[in-house]
Amino acid sequence: MSGSVRLDIDGPIATVTLSDPETRNALSFPMIAEVTALCERLNRDRAIHCTVFTGEGPGFCSGANVKDMRSGGGFSAGTPLEIKQRLADTVQRMALAVYGLEMPTIAAVGGPAHGAGMDLTLLCDMRIASDDAVFAESFLRLGVVSGDGGAWLLPRVLGPQLAYFMTFTADAVSAQEALRCGLVLKCVARDQLAAETSALAERIAAKPAPALRAAKRLLRQSLEGGTLPSNLEMAGNMHGVLQNSEDQKEAVKAFFERRPPRFVGR
């Protein structure tokens, strides 16, 4: 491990922190590999109910390091085929790992989230931004396109028209504008970002883990082109499993006893 990513676990909540503040957490190859490995580890941990992604220092993530592009290194080194393969092996693998997390995910965005940094926020289920956060789908400014799923994610989050606007102009969007257009769930003062994110994560993590993961799968199936009949079929299968679980029985018992439930993850 390079130390450019930190994992903190507090009960059922995991926090993944990009930790290279000098570059505003630019995505280096070691950082990408660490995020990918951590996602694969978290998916295997059934005790994790919610995962938060955030950045250390003044920015969330500035995307790829532009200095590498100027020098012909990093993601831009080699032949077209070599570049394509490098993207597949690194940032695209990370994108699939983050998007593939089975538990709910939240991006706590403080400061700039540009290019691949913005796309990392889109890979999360929800976003909370500090009032100094800035979002930019900035790839065209550098003569390239999103290589990590942004073109697939952005229309699903914002709708086609705003996705076109942010992509074609590469304009930066303030946290307040992001809130108005639905890019973020909430905009808070910078010193309240961690507390607001933790409060939401705790509300989510209080739900039974098997049902949380099932609910996320069901929503994702609808977003990814599933039909209503296929969604209903999946929901029926999930109900058959969940209604035979210990947590579901505890939820019903706690409801009638007017007390908080005590879930065990089974």
C-alpha atoms as a PDB file:
ATOM      1  CA  MET A   1       0.000   0.000   0.000  1.00  0.00           C
ATOM      2  CA  SER A   2       1.292   3.496  -0.857  1.00  0.00           C
ATOM      3  CA  GLY A   3      -0.527   5.238   1.979  1.00  0.00           C
ATOM      4  CA  SER A   4      -2.456   7.491  -0.411  1.00  0.00           C
ATOM      5  CA  VAL A   5      -5.776   5.995   0.714  1.00  0.00           C
ATOM      6  CA  ARG A   6      -7.008   5.513   4.269  1.00  0.00           C
ATOM      7  CA  LEU A   7      -9.731   3.144   5.466  1.00  0.00           C
ATOM      8  CA  ASP A   8     -11.502   3.802   8.765  1.00  0.00           C
ATOM      9  CA  ILE A   9     -14.218   1.508  10.104  1.00  0.00           C
ATOM     10  CA  ASP A  10     -16.582   2.666  12.823  1.00  0.00           C
ATOM     11  CA  GLY A  11     -19.048  -0.110  13.570  1.00  0.00           C
ATOM     12  CA  PRO A  12     -21.102  -0.708  10.404  1.00  0.00           C
ATOM     13  CA  ILE A  13     -19.752   2.377   8.575  1.00  0.00           C
ATOM     14  CA  ALA A  14     -16.590   2.378   6.451  1.00  0.00           C
ATOM     15  CA  THR A  15     -14.901   5.613   5.352  1.00  0.00           C
ATOM     16  CA  VAL A  16     -12.478   5.615   2.417  1.00  0.00           C
ATOM     17  CA  THR A  17     -10.346   8.783   2.394  1.00  0.00           C
ATOM     18  CA  LEU A  18      -8.207   9.836  -0.556  1.00  0.00           C
ATOM     19  CA  SER A  19      -5.086  11.078   1.199  1.00  0.00           C
ATOM     20  CA  ASP A  20      -2.739  13.036  -1.060  1.00  0.00           C
ATOM     21  CA  PRO A  21      -3.685  16.633  -0.225  1.00  0.00           C
ATOM     22  CA  GLU A  22      -0.650  18.166  -1.954  1.00  0.00           C
ATOM     23  CA  THR A  23      -2.137  17.158  -5.337  1.00  0.00           C
ATOM     24  CA  ARG A  24      -5.734  17.698  -4.152  1.00  0.00           C
ATOM     25  CA  ASN A  25      -5.967  13.908  -4.154  1.00  0.00           C
ATOM     26  CA  ALA A  26      -5.174  13.421  -7.842  1.00  0.00           C
ATOM     27  CA  LEU A  27      -5.710   9.814  -8.913  1.00  0.00           C
ATOM     28  CA  SER A  28      -2.311   8.139  -9.122  1.00  0.00           C
ATOM     29  CA  PHE A  29      -1.935   4.507 -10.158  1.00  0.00           C
ATOM     30  CA  PRO A  30      -1.172   3.409  -6.556  1.00  0.00           C
ATOM     31  CA  MET A  31      -4.234   5.300  -5.255  1.00  0.00           C
ATOM     32  CA  ILE A  32      -6.464   3.701  -7.896  1.00  0.00           C
ATOM     33  CA  ALA A  33      -5.159   0.232  -7.025  1.00  0.00           C
ATOM     34  CA  GLU A  34      -5.764   0.842  -3.311  1.00  0.00           C
ATOM     35  CA  VAL A  35      -9.342   2.074  -3.810  1.00  0.00           C
ATOM     36  CA  THR A  36     -10.069  -0.936  -6.010  1.00  0.00           C
ATOM     37  CA  ALA A  37      -8.668  -3.387  -3.459  1.00  0.00           C
ATOM     38  CA  LEU A  38     -10.539  -1.723  -0.583  1.00  0.00           C
ATOM     39  CA  CYS A  39     -13.847  -1.936  -2.455  1.00  0.00           C
ATOM     40  CA  GLU A  40     -13.323  -5.634  -3.082  1.00  0.00           C
ATOM     41  CA  ARG A  41     -12.508  -6.113   0.609  1.00  0.00           C
ATOM     42  CA  LEU A  42     -15.563  -4.134   1.783  1.00  0.00           C
ATOM     43  CA  ASN A  43     -17.903  -6.133  -0.432  1.00  0.00           C
ATOM     44  CA  ARG A  44     -16.799  -9.279   1.372  1.00  0.00           C
ATOM     45  CA  ASP A  45     -17.461  -7.729   4.795  1.00  0.00           C
ATOM     46  CA  ARG A  46     -21.139  -8.277   5.606  1.00  0.00           C
ATOM     47  CA  ALA A  47     -20.787  -6.173   8.755  1.00  0.00           C
ATOM     48  CA  ILE A  48     -20.426  -2.992   6.653  1.00  0.00           C
ATOM     49  CA  HIS A  49     -23.800  -1.351   6.053  1.00  0.00           C
ATOM     50  CA  CYS A  50     -22.658   1.935   4.462  1.00  0.00           C
ATOM     51  CA  THR A  51     -19.450   3.291   2.882  1.00  0.00           C
ATOM     52  CA  VAL A  52     -18.402   6.950   2.701  1.00  0.00           C
ATOM     53  CA  PHE A  53     -15.858   8.319   0.214  1.00  0.00           C
ATOM     54  CA  THR A  54     -14.095  11.595   0.989  1.00  0.00           C
ATOM     55  CA  GLY A  55     -10.868  13.479   0.388  1.00  0.00           C
ATOM     56  CA  GLU A  56      -8.264  14.836   2.781  1.00  0.00           C
ATOM     57  CA  GLY A  57      -7.352  18.512   2.673  1.00  0.00           C
ATOM     58  CA  PRO A  58      -8.751  21.328   0.517  1.00  0.00           C
ATOM     59  CA  GLY A  59     -10.124  19.198  -2.332  1.00  0.00           C
ATOM     60  CA  PHE A  60     -12.116  16.007  -2.847  1.00  0.00           C
ATOM     61  CA  CYS A  61     -10.249  14.818  -5.963  1.00  0.00           C
ATOM     62  CA  SER A  62      -8.711  16.787  -8.818  1.00  0.00           C
ATOM     63  CA  GLY A  63      -8.902  13.853 -11.245  1.00  0.00           C
ATOM     64  CA  ALA A  64      -5.879  12.561 -13.120  1.00  0.00           C
ATOM     65  CA  ASN A  65      -2.587  14.399 -12.718  1.00  0.00           C
ATOM     66  CA  VAL A  66      -2.366  16.881 -15.625  1.00  0.00           C
ATOM     67  CA  LYS A  67       1.419  17.119 -15.204  1.00  0.00           C
ATOM     68  CA  ASP A  68       1.654  13.508 -16.392  1.00  0.00           C
ATOM     69  CA  MET A  69      -0.306  14.386 -19.514  1.00  0.00           C
ATOM     70  CA  ARG A  70       2.047  17.279 -20.295  1.00  0.00           C
ATOM     71  CA  SER A  71       5.076  15.017 -19.985  1.00  0.00           C
ATOM     72  CA  GLY A  72       3.475  12.198 -21.978  1.00  0.00           C
ATOM     73  CA  GLY A  73       3.352   9.900 -18.975  1.00  0.00           C
ATOM     74  CA  GLY A  74       0.619   8.489 -16.765  1.00  0.00           C
ATOM     75  CA  PHE A  75      -2.597   7.634 -18.562  1.00  0.00           C
ATOM     76  CA  SER A  76      -1.414   9.219 -21.840  1.00  0.00           C
ATOM     77  CA  ALA A  77       1.732   7.133 -22.369  1.00  0.00           C
ATOM     78  CA  GLY A  78       2.023   4.681 -25.259  1.00  0.00           C
ATOM     79  CA  THR A  79       0.067   3.667 -28.338  1.00  0.00           C
ATOM     80  CA  PRO A  80      -3.738   3.975 -28.570  1.00  0.00           C
ATOM     81  CA  LEU A  81      -4.098   0.272 -27.769  1.00  0.00           C
ATOM     82  CA  GLU A  82      -1.750   0.568 -24.770  1.00  0.00           C
ATOM     83  CA  ILE A  83      -3.693   3.562 -23.456  1.00  0.00           C
ATOM     84  CA  LYS A  84      -6.986   1.704 -23.825  1.00  0.00           C
ATOM     85  CA  GLN A  85      -5.619  -1.314 -21.940  1.00  0.00           C
ATOM     86  CA  ARG A  86      -4.135   0.866 -19.208  1.00  0.00           C
ATOM     87  CA  LEU A  87      -7.502   2.548 -18.642  1.00  0.00           C
ATOM     88  CA  ALA A  88      -9.193  -0.862 -18.460  1.00  0.00           C
ATOM     89  CA  ASP A  89      -6.639  -2.145 -15.946  1.00  0.00           C
ATOM     90  CA  THR A  90      -6.664   0.918 -13.690  1.00  0.00           C
ATOM     91  CA  VAL A  91      -9.311   3.622 -13.510  1.00  0.00           C
ATOM     92  CA  GLN A  92     -12.037   1.591 -15.246  1.00  0.00           C
ATOM     93  CA  ARG A  93     -11.453  -1.318 -12.902  1.00  0.00           C
ATOM     94  CA  MET A  94     -11.719   1.102  -9.981  1.00  0.00           C
ATOM     95  CA  ALA A  95     -14.951   2.562 -11.384  1.00  0.00           C
ATOM     96  CA  LEU A  96     -16.502  -0.894 -11.612  1.00  0.00           C
ATOM     97  CA  ALA A  97     -15.353  -1.688  -8.063  1.00  0.00           C
ATOM     98  CA  VAL A  98     -16.842   1.503  -6.565  1.00  0.00           C
ATOM     99  CA  TYR A  99     -20.057   1.196  -8.558  1.00  0.00           C
ATOM    100  CA  GLY A 100     -20.208  -2.486  -7.648  1.00  0.00           C
ATOM    101  CA  LEU A 101     -20.215  -1.910  -3.888  1.00  0.00           C
ATOM    102  CA  GLU A 102     -23.290  -3.732  -2.628  1.00  0.00           C
ATOM    103  CA  MET A 103     -23.958  -1.489   0.373  1.00  0.00           C
ATOM    104  CA  PRO A 104     -25.186   2.144   0.067  1.00  0.00           C
ATOM    105  CA  THR A 105     -22.424   4.665  -0.646  1.00  0.00           C
ATOM    106  CA  ILE A 106     -22.096   8.387   0.046  1.00  0.00           C
ATOM    107  CA  ALA A 107     -19.568  10.866  -1.361  1.00  0.00           C
ATOM    108  CA  ALA A 108     -18.684  13.634   1.125  1.00  0.00           C
ATOM    109  CA  VAL A 109     -17.365  16.283  -1.259  1.00  0.00           C
ATOM    110  CA  GLY A 110     -15.289  19.128   0.127  1.00  0.00           C
ATOM    111  CA  GLY A 111     -13.626  21.476  -2.363  1.00  0.00           C
ATOM    112  CA  PRO A 112     -13.017  20.660  -6.039  1.00  0.00           C
ATOM    113  CA  ALA A 113     -14.160  17.412  -7.674  1.00  0.00           C
ATOM    114  CA  HIS A 114     -12.891  17.644 -11.241  1.00  0.00           C
ATOM    115  CA  GLY A 115     -12.785  15.172 -14.115  1.00  0.00           C
ATOM    116  CA  ALA A 116     -12.335  11.659 -12.770  1.00  0.00           C
ATOM    117  CA  GLY A 117     -12.838  13.144  -9.295  1.00  0.00           C
ATOM    118  CA  MET A 118     -16.334  14.249 -10.236  1.00  0.00           C
ATOM    119  CA  ASP A 119     -16.997  10.878 -11.825  1.00  0.00           C
ATOM    120  CA  LEU A 120     -15.956   9.197  -8.570  1.00  0.00           C
ATOM    121  CA  THR A 121     -18.737  11.128  -6.813  1.00  0.00           C
ATOM    122  CA  LEU A 122     -21.194   9.955  -9.490  1.00  0.00           C
ATOM    123  CA  LEU A 123     -20.209   6.347  -8.828  1.00  0.00           C
ATOM    124  CA  CYS A 124     -21.588   6.788  -5.297  1.00  0.00           C
ATOM    125  CA  ASP A 125     -25.306   6.523  -4.585  1.00  0.00           C
ATOM    126  CA  MET A 126     -25.574   9.919  -2.872  1.00  0.00           C
ATOM    127  CA  ARG A 127     -23.502  13.091  -2.578  1.00  0.00           C
ATOM    128  CA  ILE A 128     -23.273  15.664   0.214  1.00  0.00           C
ATOM    129  CA  ALA A 129     -21.227  18.761  -0.618  1.00  0.00           C
ATOM    130  CA  SER A 130     -19.567  21.472   1.416  1.00  0.00           C
ATOM    131  CA  ASP A 131     -20.468  25.009   0.429  1.00  0.00           C
ATOM    132  CA  ASP A 132     -17.037  25.427  -1.194  1.00  0.00           C
ATOM    133  CA  ALA A 133     -17.330  22.282  -3.328  1.00  0.00           C
ATOM    134  CA  VAL A 134     -16.958  22.653  -7.104  1.00  0.00           C
ATOM    135  CA  PHE A 135     -17.896  20.024  -9.689  1.00  0.00           C
ATOM    136  CA  ALA A 136     -16.542  19.924 -13.244  1.00  0.00           C
ATOM    137  CA  GLU A 137     -16.811  17.303 -15.977  1.00  0.00           C
ATOM    138  CA  SER A 138     -13.623  18.873 -17.301  1.00  0.00           C
ATOM    139  CA  PHE A 139     -12.311  16.315 -19.809  1.00  0.00           C
ATOM    140  CA  LEU A 140     -12.948  18.338 -22.989  1.00  0.00           C
ATOM    141  CA  ARG A 141     -10.871  21.159 -21.544  1.00  0.00           C
ATOM    142  CA  LEU A 142      -7.919  18.795 -21.995  1.00  0.00           C
ATOM    143  CA  GLY A 143      -9.040  17.372 -25.337  1.00  0.00           C
ATOM    144  CA  VAL A 144     -10.198  13.978 -24.044  1.00  0.00           C
ATOM    145  CA  VAL A 145     -13.412  12.305 -22.889  1.00  0.00           C
ATOM    146  CA  SER A 146     -14.334  10.643 -19.619  1.00  0.00           C
ATOM    147  CA  GLY A 147     -12.654   7.258 -19.466  1.00  0.00           C
ATOM    148  CA  ASP A 148     -14.195   6.103 -16.207  1.00  0.00           C
ATOM    149  CA  GLY A 149     -17.932   5.973 -16.816  1.00  0.00           C
ATOM    150  CA  GLY A 150     -18.885   9.642 -16.524  1.00  0.00           C
ATOM    151  CA  ALA A 151     -20.696   9.679 -19.863  1.00  0.00           C
ATOM    152  CA  TRP A 152     -22.862   6.769 -18.666  1.00  0.00           C
ATOM    153  CA  LEU A 153     -23.408   8.073 -15.144  1.00  0.00           C
ATOM    154  CA  LEU A 154     -24.031  11.783 -15.696  1.00  0.00           C
ATOM    155  CA  PRO A 155     -27.249  11.505 -17.775  1.00  0.00           C
ATOM    156  CA  ARG A 156     -28.661   9.107 -15.174  1.00  0.00           C
ATOM    157  CA  VAL A 157     -27.984  11.564 -12.360  1.00  0.00           C
ATOM    158  CA  LEU A 158     -28.839  14.852 -14.086  1.00  0.00           C
ATOM    159  CA  GLY A 159     -30.848  13.932 -17.187  1.00  0.00           C
ATOM    160  CA  PRO A 160     -29.575  14.340 -20.756  1.00  0.00           C
ATOM    161  CA  GLN A 161     -29.685  18.130 -21.149  1.00  0.00           C
ATOM    162  CA  LEU A 162     -27.607  19.016 -18.087  1.00  0.00           C
ATOM    163  CA  ALA A 163     -25.251  16.128 -18.817  1.00  0.00           C
ATOM    164  CA  TYR A 164     -24.647  17.552 -22.289  1.00  0.00           C
ATOM    165  CA  PHE A 165     -24.138  21.028 -20.836  1.00  0.00           C
ATOM    166  CA  MET A 166     -21.592  19.983 -18.221  1.00  0.00           C
ATOM    167  CA  THR A 167     -19.734  17.757 -20.680  1.00  0.00           C
ATOM    168  CA  PHE A 168     -19.655  20.100 -23.701  1.00  0.00           C
ATOM    169  CA  THR A 169     -18.795  23.285 -21.781  1.00  0.00           C
ATOM    170  CA  ALA A 170     -16.572  21.650 -19.141  1.00  0.00           C
ATOM    171  CA  ASP A 171     -17.806  24.485 -16.909  1.00  0.00           C
ATOM    172  CA  ALA A 172     -17.408  24.230 -13.157  1.00  0.00           C
ATOM    173  CA  VAL A 173     -20.616  24.037 -11.119  1.00  0.00           C
ATOM    174  CA  SER A 174     -20.794  25.418  -7.591  1.00  0.00           C
ATOM    175  CA  ALA A 175     -22.170  23.426  -4.683  1.00  0.00           C
ATOM    176  CA  GLN A 176     -25.276  25.633  -4.662  1.00  0.00           C
ATOM    177  CA  GLU A 177     -25.891  25.010  -8.373  1.00  0.00           C
ATOM    178  CA  ALA A 178     -25.243  21.292  -7.826  1.00  0.00           C
ATOM    179  CA  LEU A 179     -27.929  21.277  -5.140  1.00  0.00           C
ATOM    180  CA  ARG A 180     -30.457  23.055  -7.389  1.00  0.00           C
ATOM    181  CA  CYS A 181     -29.984  20.607 -10.251  1.00  0.00           C
ATOM    182  CA  GLY A 182     -30.020  17.487  -8.071  1.00  0.00           C
ATOM    183  CA  LEU A 183     -26.354  16.586  -8.429  1.00  0.00           C
ATOM    184  CA  VAL A 184     -25.995  16.659  -4.639  1.00  0.00           C
ATOM    185  CA  LEU A 185     -28.429  15.731  -1.900  1.00  0.00           C
ATOM    186  CA  LYS A 186     -27.403  18.468   0.515  1.00  0.00           C
ATOM    187  CA  CYS A 187     -25.050  21.465   0.684  1.00  0.00           C
ATOM    188  CA  VAL A 188     -23.607  22.315   4.103  1.00  0.00           C
ATOM    189  CA  ALA A 189     -20.899  24.482   5.660  1.00  0.00           C
ATOM    190  CA  ARG A 190     -17.422  22.986   5.297  1.00  0.00           C
ATOM    191  CA  ASP A 191     -17.073  22.444   9.041  1.00  0.00           C
ATOM    192  CA  GLN A 192     -20.357  20.524   9.063  1.00  0.00           C
ATOM    193  CA  LEU A 193     -19.594  18.181   6.146  1.00  0.00           C
ATOM    194  CA  ALA A 194     -18.243  15.284   8.208  1.00  0.00           C
ATOM    195  CA  ALA A 195     -21.029  15.512  10.792  1.00  0.00           C
ATOM    196  CA  GLU A 196     -23.814  15.710   8.193  1.00  0.00           C
ATOM    197  CA  THR A 197     -22.369  12.774   6.263  1.00  0.00           C
ATOM    198  CA  SER A 198     -21.951  10.716   9.423  1.00  0.00           C
ATOM    199  CA  ALA A 199     -25.537  11.436  10.464  1.00  0.00           C
ATOM    200  CA  LEU A 200     -26.872  10.178   7.128  1.00  0.00           C
ATOM    201  CA  ALA A 201     -24.566   7.144   7.157  1.00  0.00           C
ATOM    202  CA  GLU A 202     -25.741   6.256  10.655  1.00  0.00           C
ATOM    203  CA  ARG A 203     -29.415   6.488   9.647  1.00  0.00           C
ATOM    204  CA  ILE A 204     -28.752   4.151   6.729  1.00  0.00           C
ATOM    205  CA  ALA A 205     -26.508   1.789   8.689  1.00  0.00           C
ATOM    206  CA  ALA A 206     -29.243   1.317  11.295  1.00  0.00           C
ATOM    207  CA  LYS A 207     -31.194  -0.723   8.727  1.00  0.00           C
ATOM    208  CA  PRO A 208     -30.617  -4.495   8.352  1.00  0.00           C
ATOM    209  CA  ALA A 209     -27.664  -5.172   6.064  1.00  0.00           C
ATOM    210  CA  PRO A 210     -29.247  -7.948   3.931  1.00  0.00           C
ATOM    211  CA  ALA A 211     -32.272  -5.772   3.153  1.00  0.00           C
ATOM    212  CA  LEU A 212     -30.079  -2.741   2.407  1.00  0.00           C
ATOM    213  CA  ARG A 213     -28.044  -4.665  -0.149  1.00  0.00           C
ATOM    214  CA  ALA A 214     -31.185  -6.163  -1.687  1.00  0.00           C
ATOM    215  CA  ALA A 215     -32.841  -2.740  -1.954  1.00  0.00           C
ATOM    216  CA  LYS A 216     -29.776  -1.313  -3.703  1.00  0.00           C
ATOM    217  CA  ARG A 217     -29.740  -4.200  -6.201  1.00  0.00           C
ATOM    218  CA  LEU A 218     -33.425  -3.646  -6.919  1.00  0.00           C
ATOM    219  CA  LEU A 219     -32.975   0.089  -7.575  1.00  0.00           C
ATOM    220  CA  ARG A 220     -29.894  -0.503  -9.716  1.00  0.00           C
ATOM    221  CA  GLN A 221     -31.739  -3.078 -11.825  1.00  0.00           C
ATOM    222  CA  SER A 222     -34.373  -0.472 -12.689  1.00  0.00           C
ATOM    223  CA  LEU A 223     -31.761   2.190 -13.538  1.00  0.00           C
ATOM    224  CA  GLU A 224     -29.785  -0.158 -15.758  1.00  0.00           C
ATOM    225  CA  GLY A 225     -32.649  -0.948 -18.111  1.00  0.00           C
ATOM    226  CA  GLY A 226     -34.582  -3.599 -16.249  1.00  0.00           C
ATOM    227  CA  THR A 227     -38.272  -3.868 -17.074  1.00  0.00           C
ATOM    228  CA  LEU A 228     -41.096  -3.642 -14.536  1.00  0.00           C
ATOM    229  CA  PRO A 229     -41.884  -7.380 -14.841  1.00  0.00           C
ATOM    230  CA  SER A 230     -38.228  -8.314 -14.308  1.00  0.00           C
ATOM    231  CA  ASN A 231     -38.008  -5.927 -11.342  1.00  0.00           C
ATOM    232  CA  LEU A 232     -41.108  -7.458  -9.791  1.00  0.00           C
ATOM    233  CA  GLU A 233     -39.658 -10.933 -10.313  1.00  0.00           C
ATOM    234  CA  MET A 234     -36.451  -9.911  -8.557  1.00  0.00           C
ATOM    235  CA  ALA A 235     -38.414  -8.269  -5.725  1.00  0.00           C
ATOM    236  CA  GLY A 236     -40.429 -11.449  -5.225  1.00  0.00           C
ATOM    237  CA  ASN A 237     -37.291 -13.536  -4.957  1.00  0.00           C
ATOM    238  CA  MET A 238     -35.835 -11.083  -2.452  1.00  0.00           C
ATOM    239  CA  HIS A 239     -38.977 -11.115  -0.331  1.00  0.00           C
ATOM    240  CA  GLY A 240     -38.835 -14.892  -0.178  1.00  0.00           C
ATOM    241  CA  VAL A 241     -35.344 -14.744   1.290  1.00  0.00           C
ATOM    242  CA  LEU A 242     -35.720 -11.672   3.499  1.00  0.00           C
ATOM    243  CA  GLN A 243     -38.983 -12.695   5.125  1.00  0.00           C
ATOM    244  CA  ASN A 244     -37.265 -15.824   6.383  1.00  0.00           C
ATOM    245  CA  SER A 245     -34.387 -13.866   7.907  1.00  0.00           C
ATOM    246  CA  GLU A 246     -33.733 -13.210  11.600  1.00  0.00           C
ATOM    247  CA  ASP A 247     -33.515  -9.457  10.969  1.00  0.00           C
ATOM    248  CA  GLN A 248     -36.952  -9.292   9.358  1.00  0.00           C
ATOM    249  CA  LYS A 249     -38.523 -11.107  12.289  1.00  0.00           C
ATOM    250  CA  GLU A 250     -36.706  -8.793  14.703  1.00  0.00           C
ATOM    251  CA  ALA A 251     -37.909  -5.727  12.747  1.00  0.00           C
ATOM    252  CA  VAL A 252     -41.555  -6.787  13.054  1.00  0.00           C
ATOM    253  CA  LYS A 253     -41.152  -7.707  16.724  1.00  0.00           C
ATOM    254  CA  ALA A 254     -39.489  -4.353  17.517  1.00  0.00           C
ATOM    255  CA  PHE A 255     -42.269  -2.502  15.648  1.00  0.00           C
ATOM    256  CA  PHE A 256     -44.974  -3.982  17.850  1.00  0.00           C
ATOM    257  CA  GLU A 257     -42.897  -3.629  21.012  1.00  0.00           C
ATOM    258  CA  ARG A 258     -42.216   0.051  20.175  1.00  0.00           C
ATOM    259  CA  ARG A 259     -38.439  -0.230  20.591  1.00  0.00           C
ATOM    260  CA  PRO A 260     -35.373   0.097  18.377  1.00  0.00           C
ATOM    261  CA  PRO A 261     -34.595  -3.158  16.538  1.00  0.00           C
ATOM    262  CA  ARG A 262     -31.426  -5.131  17.276  1.00  0.00           C
ATOM    263  CA  PHE A 263     -30.228  -6.501  13.929  1.00  0.00           C
ATOM    264  CA  VAL A 264     -27.640  -9.249  13.595  1.00  0.00           C
ATOM    265  CA  GLY A 265     -27.100  -9.252   9.815  1.00  0.00           C
ATOM    266  CA  ARG A 266     -28.858 -12.549   9.197  1.00  0.00           C
END
